[in-house]
Amino acid sequence: MLLLCGGPYTRVMEKLKRPAFYADSRIVKRFQLKAVPAVIIQKGTVMEVREYALNDKGQKKRK
């Protein structure tokens, strides 16, 4: 599931050739999102949420 916070979602869908949705308050609450970017993957009957911390340059923080 690809969730966007803003911008032209139709352009993103065309470029990636997959559906995209706006992350409105219902979706944020449903998946208990605390940070973005986040990836949501369905594994059987369970949805796995992975949130990523970024530094001020937008790069993934190292542990």
C-alpha atoms as a PDB file:
ATOM      1  CA  MET A   1       0.000   0.000   0.000  1.00  0.00           C
ATOM      2  CA  LEU A   2       1.474   3.334  -1.045  1.00  0.00           C
ATOM      3  CA  LEU A   3       0.330   6.265   1.083  1.00  0.00           C
ATOM      4  CA  LEU A   4       1.003   9.893   0.243  1.00  0.00           C
ATOM      5  CA  CYS A   5       0.802  12.941   2.481  1.00  0.00           C
ATOM      6  CA  GLY A   6       0.284  15.380  -0.377  1.00  0.00           C
ATOM      7  CA  GLY A   7       1.083  16.151  -3.964  1.00  0.00           C
ATOM      8  CA  PRO A   8      -0.327  14.826  -7.228  1.00  0.00           C
ATOM      9  CA  TYR A   9      -1.085  11.172  -6.495  1.00  0.00           C
ATOM     10  CA  THR A  10      -2.157  10.450 -10.085  1.00  0.00           C
ATOM     11  CA  ARG A  11       1.337  11.253 -11.330  1.00  0.00           C
ATOM     12  CA  VAL A  12       2.838   8.915  -8.726  1.00  0.00           C
ATOM     13  CA  MET A  13       0.430   6.107  -9.685  1.00  0.00           C
ATOM     14  CA  GLU A  14       1.263   6.489 -13.373  1.00  0.00           C
ATOM     15  CA  LYS A  15       5.018   6.512 -12.765  1.00  0.00           C
ATOM     16  CA  LEU A  16       5.052   3.547 -10.359  1.00  0.00           C
ATOM     17  CA  LYS A  17       2.185   1.668 -12.045  1.00  0.00           C
ATOM     18  CA  ARG A  18       0.509   0.918  -8.724  1.00  0.00           C
ATOM     19  CA  PRO A  19      -2.334   2.414  -6.676  1.00  0.00           C
ATOM     20  CA  ALA A  20      -1.630   5.246  -4.256  1.00  0.00           C
ATOM     21  CA  PHE A  21      -3.804   6.741  -1.535  1.00  0.00           C
ATOM     22  CA  TYR A  22      -3.724   9.865   0.596  1.00  0.00           C
ATOM     23  CA  ALA A  23      -2.830   9.131   4.217  1.00  0.00           C
ATOM     24  CA  ASP A  24      -5.803  10.851   5.791  1.00  0.00           C
ATOM     25  CA  SER A  25      -6.450  10.867   9.539  1.00  0.00           C
ATOM     26  CA  ARG A  26      -8.499   7.636   9.373  1.00  0.00           C
ATOM     27  CA  ILE A  27      -5.627   5.703   7.794  1.00  0.00           C
ATOM     28  CA  VAL A  28      -3.036   7.203  10.152  1.00  0.00           C
ATOM     29  CA  LYS A  29      -5.189   6.222  13.138  1.00  0.00           C
ATOM     30  CA  ARG A  30      -6.043   2.751  11.771  1.00  0.00           C
ATOM     31  CA  PHE A  31      -2.382   1.788  11.261  1.00  0.00           C
ATOM     32  CA  GLN A  32      -1.218   3.727  14.346  1.00  0.00           C
ATOM     33  CA  LEU A  33       1.384   5.588  12.302  1.00  0.00           C
ATOM     34  CA  LYS A  34       3.746   7.705  14.379  1.00  0.00           C
ATOM     35  CA  ALA A  35       6.270   8.651  11.685  1.00  0.00           C
ATOM     36  CA  VAL A  36       6.789   8.754   7.949  1.00  0.00           C
ATOM     37  CA  PRO A  37       8.130   7.417   5.740  1.00  0.00           C
ATOM     38  CA  ALA A  38       6.420   4.167   6.574  1.00  0.00           C
ATOM     39  CA  VAL A  39       5.860   0.953   4.653  1.00  0.00           C
ATOM     40  CA  ILE A  40       2.786  -1.198   5.251  1.00  0.00           C
ATOM     41  CA  ILE A  41       2.937  -4.805   4.060  1.00  0.00           C
ATOM     42  CA  GLN A  42       0.243  -7.464   4.317  1.00  0.00           C
ATOM     43  CA  LYS A  43       1.548 -10.771   5.684  1.00  0.00           C
ATOM     44  CA  GLY A  44      -1.295 -13.267   5.648  1.00  0.00           C
ATOM     45  CA  THR A  45      -4.071 -11.790   7.756  1.00  0.00           C
ATOM     46  CA  VAL A  46      -1.767  -9.287   9.493  1.00  0.00           C
ATOM     47  CA  MET A  47      -0.564  -5.874   8.333  1.00  0.00           C
ATOM     48  CA  GLU A  48       3.089  -5.133   9.161  1.00  0.00           C
ATOM     49  CA  VAL A  49       4.033  -1.465   9.590  1.00  0.00           C
ATOM     50  CA  ARG A  50       7.653  -0.352   9.275  1.00  0.00           C
ATOM     51  CA  GLU A  51       8.506   3.248  10.128  1.00  0.00           C
ATOM     52  CA  TYR A  52      11.859   4.760   9.188  1.00  0.00           C
ATOM     53  CA  ALA A  53      13.764   7.538  10.945  1.00  0.00           C
ATOM     54  CA  LEU A  54      15.460  10.025   8.622  1.00  0.00           C
ATOM     55  CA  ASN A  55      18.158  12.586   9.294  1.00  0.00           C
ATOM     56  CA  ASP A  56      17.784  16.236   8.298  1.00  0.00           C
ATOM     57  CA  LYS A  57      18.997  15.402   4.764  1.00  0.00           C
ATOM     58  CA  GLY A  58      16.237  12.838   4.265  1.00  0.00           C
ATOM     59  CA  GLN A  59      18.624   9.892   4.577  1.00  0.00           C
ATOM     60  CA  LYS A  60      17.941   6.828   6.710  1.00  0.00           C
ATOM     61  CA  LYS A  61      19.588   7.159  10.125  1.00  0.00           C
ATOM     62  CA  ARG A  62      22.235   4.610  10.995  1.00  0.00           C
ATOM     63  CA  LYS A  63      22.031   2.677  14.240  1.00  0.00           C
END
